[in-house]
Amino acid sequence: MKKLSKKYSNFIFIILTSIFMSFLMSFVVTFINLGIVQGFVIKWFKAWGLAFLVGFPIISLVIPVVRKLVDSLTE
């Protein structure tokens, strides 16, 4: 498999982080609010879609700030 250029690493990091985080958090919140009910997976995936649409831009803004904060706190 051909690897992508390192110049895309920041974007790939942000997209993968937002996919995994929104996927897992939408599952947890849907489960807490509804339990396992009929149509759970459909409701979860709808919640995931919305969470991703909101989460991706937020993570895009937060990741650079967090990286700078970590850099200032570490040697």
N, C-alpha and C. Protein backbone atom coordinates (compact mmCIF):
# COMPACT_ATOMS: atom_id res chain seq x y z
N MET A 1 0.84 -1.18 0.00
CA MET A 1 0.00 0.00 0.00
C MET A 1 0.89 1.25 0.00
N LYS A 2 0.59 2.16 -0.89
CA LYS A 2 1.38 3.39 -0.98
C LYS A 2 0.98 4.34 0.15
N LYS A 3 1.97 4.89 0.80
CA LYS A 3 1.73 5.83 1.90
C LYS A 3 1.50 7.23 1.36
N LEU A 4 0.74 7.99 2.12
CA LEU A 4 0.49 9.39 1.77
C LEU A 4 1.68 10.24 2.20
N SER A 5 1.78 11.40 1.62
CA SER A 5 2.84 12.34 1.95
C SER A 5 2.68 12.84 3.39
N LYS A 6 3.81 13.11 4.04
CA LYS A 6 3.80 13.65 5.41
C LYS A 6 3.09 15.00 5.49
N LYS A 7 3.00 15.73 4.38
CA LYS A 7 2.34 17.04 4.42
C LYS A 7 0.86 16.92 4.75
N TYR A 8 0.29 15.72 4.59
CA TYR A 8 -1.12 15.49 4.91
C TYR A 8 -1.32 14.94 6.33
N SER A 9 -0.25 14.73 7.05
CA SER A 9 -0.36 14.06 8.35
C SER A 9 -1.24 14.81 9.34
N ASN A 10 -1.19 16.12 9.37
CA ASN A 10 -2.02 16.88 10.31
C ASN A 10 -3.50 16.70 9.98
N PHE A 11 -3.85 16.81 8.69
CA PHE A 11 -5.25 16.63 8.27
C PHE A 11 -5.72 15.21 8.57
N ILE A 12 -4.90 14.21 8.28
CA ILE A 12 -5.26 12.81 8.54
C ILE A 12 -5.46 12.60 10.04
N PHE A 13 -4.57 13.17 10.85
CA PHE A 13 -4.71 13.07 12.30
C PHE A 13 -6.04 13.65 12.76
N ILE A 14 -6.39 14.84 12.27
CA ILE A 14 -7.63 15.52 12.66
C ILE A 14 -8.85 14.72 12.21
N ILE A 15 -8.87 14.24 10.99
CA ILE A 15 -10.03 13.52 10.48
C ILE A 15 -10.21 12.20 11.23
N LEU A 16 -9.12 11.47 11.46
CA LEU A 16 -9.25 10.20 12.18
C LEU A 16 -9.65 10.41 13.64
N THR A 17 -9.09 11.43 14.27
CA THR A 17 -9.48 11.73 15.65
C THR A 17 -10.96 12.07 15.73
N SER A 18 -11.45 12.89 14.81
CA SER A 18 -12.86 13.27 14.85
C SER A 18 -13.78 12.10 14.52
N ILE A 19 -13.36 11.22 13.63
CA ILE A 19 -14.17 10.03 13.31
C ILE A 19 -14.29 9.14 14.54
N PHE A 20 -13.14 8.77 15.13
CA PHE A 20 -13.17 7.85 16.27
C PHE A 20 -13.85 8.44 17.49
N MET A 21 -13.56 9.70 17.79
CA MET A 21 -14.14 10.33 18.97
C MET A 21 -15.65 10.48 18.82
N SER A 22 -16.11 10.97 17.68
CA SER A 22 -17.55 11.15 17.48
C SER A 22 -18.27 9.80 17.45
N PHE A 23 -17.63 8.78 16.88
CA PHE A 23 -18.22 7.44 16.82
C PHE A 23 -18.44 6.88 18.22
N LEU A 24 -17.39 6.93 19.03
CA LEU A 24 -17.48 6.36 20.38
C LEU A 24 -18.37 7.18 21.30
N MET A 25 -18.22 8.51 21.27
CA MET A 25 -19.03 9.34 22.15
C MET A 25 -20.51 9.30 21.78
N SER A 26 -20.83 9.26 20.50
CA SER A 26 -22.24 9.18 20.11
C SER A 26 -22.84 7.85 20.56
N PHE A 27 -22.04 6.78 20.53
CA PHE A 27 -22.54 5.49 21.04
C PHE A 27 -22.85 5.59 22.53
N VAL A 28 -21.91 6.12 23.30
CA VAL A 28 -22.09 6.22 24.75
C VAL A 28 -23.30 7.08 25.09
N VAL A 29 -23.41 8.25 24.48
CA VAL A 29 -24.52 9.15 24.80
C VAL A 29 -25.86 8.56 24.36
N THR A 30 -25.90 7.93 23.19
CA THR A 30 -27.13 7.29 22.72
C THR A 30 -27.53 6.16 23.66
N PHE A 31 -26.56 5.36 24.07
CA PHE A 31 -26.84 4.25 24.98
C PHE A 31 -27.33 4.76 26.34
N ILE A 32 -26.69 5.77 26.88
CA ILE A 32 -27.10 6.32 28.18
C ILE A 32 -28.53 6.87 28.11
N ASN A 33 -28.84 7.57 27.03
CA ASN A 33 -30.16 8.20 26.91
C ASN A 33 -31.27 7.24 26.54
N LEU A 34 -30.97 6.21 25.73
CA LEU A 34 -32.03 5.33 25.24
C LEU A 34 -31.94 3.89 25.74
N GLY A 35 -30.75 3.44 26.09
CA GLY A 35 -30.56 2.02 26.33
C GLY A 35 -30.59 1.31 24.99
N ILE A 36 -30.58 -0.01 25.04
CA ILE A 36 -30.67 -0.78 23.79
C ILE A 36 -32.15 -0.94 23.46
N VAL A 37 -32.59 -0.16 22.48
CA VAL A 37 -33.99 -0.16 22.06
C VAL A 37 -34.06 -0.56 20.58
N GLN A 38 -35.26 -0.83 20.14
CA GLN A 38 -35.45 -1.13 18.72
C GLN A 38 -34.99 0.07 17.90
N GLY A 39 -34.23 -0.16 16.88
CA GLY A 39 -33.71 0.91 16.04
C GLY A 39 -32.51 1.62 16.63
N PHE A 40 -31.89 1.02 17.64
CA PHE A 40 -30.75 1.66 18.31
C PHE A 40 -29.64 2.03 17.34
N VAL A 41 -29.28 1.12 16.46
CA VAL A 41 -28.16 1.36 15.55
C VAL A 41 -28.45 2.53 14.62
N ILE A 42 -29.67 2.61 14.11
CA ILE A 42 -30.05 3.72 13.23
C ILE A 42 -29.97 5.04 14.00
N LYS A 43 -30.50 5.06 15.23
CA LYS A 43 -30.46 6.27 16.05
C LYS A 43 -29.02 6.66 16.37
N TRP A 44 -28.19 5.66 16.65
CA TRP A 44 -26.78 5.90 16.95
C TRP A 44 -26.07 6.49 15.74
N PHE A 45 -26.30 5.92 14.55
CA PHE A 45 -25.62 6.42 13.36
C PHE A 45 -26.08 7.83 12.99
N LYS A 46 -27.34 8.14 13.24
CA LYS A 46 -27.81 9.51 13.03
C LYS A 46 -27.10 10.46 13.99
N ALA A 47 -26.99 10.04 15.24
CA ALA A 47 -26.27 10.84 16.24
C ALA A 47 -24.80 10.98 15.86
N TRP A 48 -24.21 9.91 15.33
CA TRP A 48 -22.81 9.94 14.93
C TRP A 48 -22.60 10.94 13.79
N GLY A 49 -23.50 10.92 12.81
CA GLY A 49 -23.38 11.87 11.71
C GLY A 49 -23.39 13.31 12.18
N LEU A 50 -24.30 13.62 13.07
CA LEU A 50 -24.38 14.97 13.62
C LEU A 50 -23.14 15.29 14.46
N ALA A 51 -22.73 14.33 15.28
CA ALA A 51 -21.55 14.54 16.13
C ALA A 51 -20.31 14.78 15.28
N PHE A 52 -20.19 14.05 14.17
CA PHE A 52 -19.03 14.25 13.31
C PHE A 52 -19.06 15.63 12.66
N LEU A 53 -20.24 16.03 12.18
CA LEU A 53 -20.37 17.35 11.54
C LEU A 53 -20.01 18.49 12.49
N VAL A 54 -20.32 18.31 13.76
CA VAL A 54 -19.99 19.33 14.76
C VAL A 54 -18.54 19.13 15.24
N GLY A 55 -18.15 17.88 15.46
CA GLY A 55 -16.85 17.58 16.04
C GLY A 55 -15.66 17.89 15.15
N PHE A 56 -15.79 17.64 13.85
CA PHE A 56 -14.66 17.85 12.95
C PHE A 56 -14.16 19.30 12.97
N PRO A 57 -15.04 20.29 12.78
CA PRO A 57 -14.52 21.66 12.83
C PRO A 57 -13.99 22.05 14.21
N ILE A 58 -14.63 21.53 15.27
CA ILE A 58 -14.16 21.85 16.62
C ILE A 58 -12.76 21.29 16.83
N ILE A 59 -12.56 20.03 16.47
CA ILE A 59 -11.25 19.40 16.63
C ILE A 59 -10.21 20.11 15.76
N SER A 60 -10.62 20.54 14.57
CA SER A 60 -9.70 21.27 13.69
C SER A 60 -9.19 22.54 14.35
N LEU A 61 -10.02 23.19 15.15
CA LEU A 61 -9.62 24.41 15.85
C LEU A 61 -8.87 24.11 17.14
N VAL A 62 -9.25 23.05 17.84
CA VAL A 62 -8.70 22.76 19.17
C VAL A 62 -7.32 22.09 19.10
N ILE A 63 -7.10 21.19 18.15
CA ILE A 63 -5.84 20.44 18.09
C ILE A 63 -4.61 21.36 18.05
N PRO A 64 -4.57 22.38 17.19
CA PRO A 64 -3.37 23.25 17.21
C PRO A 64 -3.17 23.96 18.54
N VAL A 65 -4.24 24.36 19.19
CA VAL A 65 -4.15 25.03 20.49
C VAL A 65 -3.61 24.06 21.54
N VAL A 66 -4.11 22.83 21.53
CA VAL A 66 -3.66 21.82 22.49
C VAL A 66 -2.19 21.49 22.25
N ARG A 67 -1.79 21.37 20.99
CA ARG A 67 -0.37 21.09 20.69
C ARG A 67 0.53 22.19 21.24
N LYS A 68 0.13 23.46 21.06
CA LYS A 68 0.93 24.58 21.58
C LYS A 68 0.98 24.54 23.11
N LEU A 69 -0.16 24.24 23.73
CA LEU A 69 -0.21 24.16 25.18
C LEU A 69 0.71 23.05 25.69
N VAL A 70 0.64 21.89 25.06
CA VAL A 70 1.51 20.77 25.46
C VAL A 70 2.96 21.14 25.26
N ASP A 71 3.29 21.76 24.14
CA ASP A 71 4.68 22.20 23.91
C ASP A 71 5.16 23.18 24.97
N SER A 72 4.27 24.06 25.43
CA SER A 72 4.68 25.03 26.45
C SER A 72 4.81 24.39 27.83
N LEU A 73 4.18 23.25 28.05
CA LEU A 73 4.23 22.58 29.35
C LEU A 73 5.30 21.49 29.44
N THR A 74 5.90 21.16 28.30
CA THR A 74 6.89 20.07 28.29
C THR A 74 8.19 20.57 27.70
N GLU A 75 9.25 19.79 27.99
CA GLU A 75 10.58 20.13 27.46
C GLU A 75 10.87 19.36 26.20
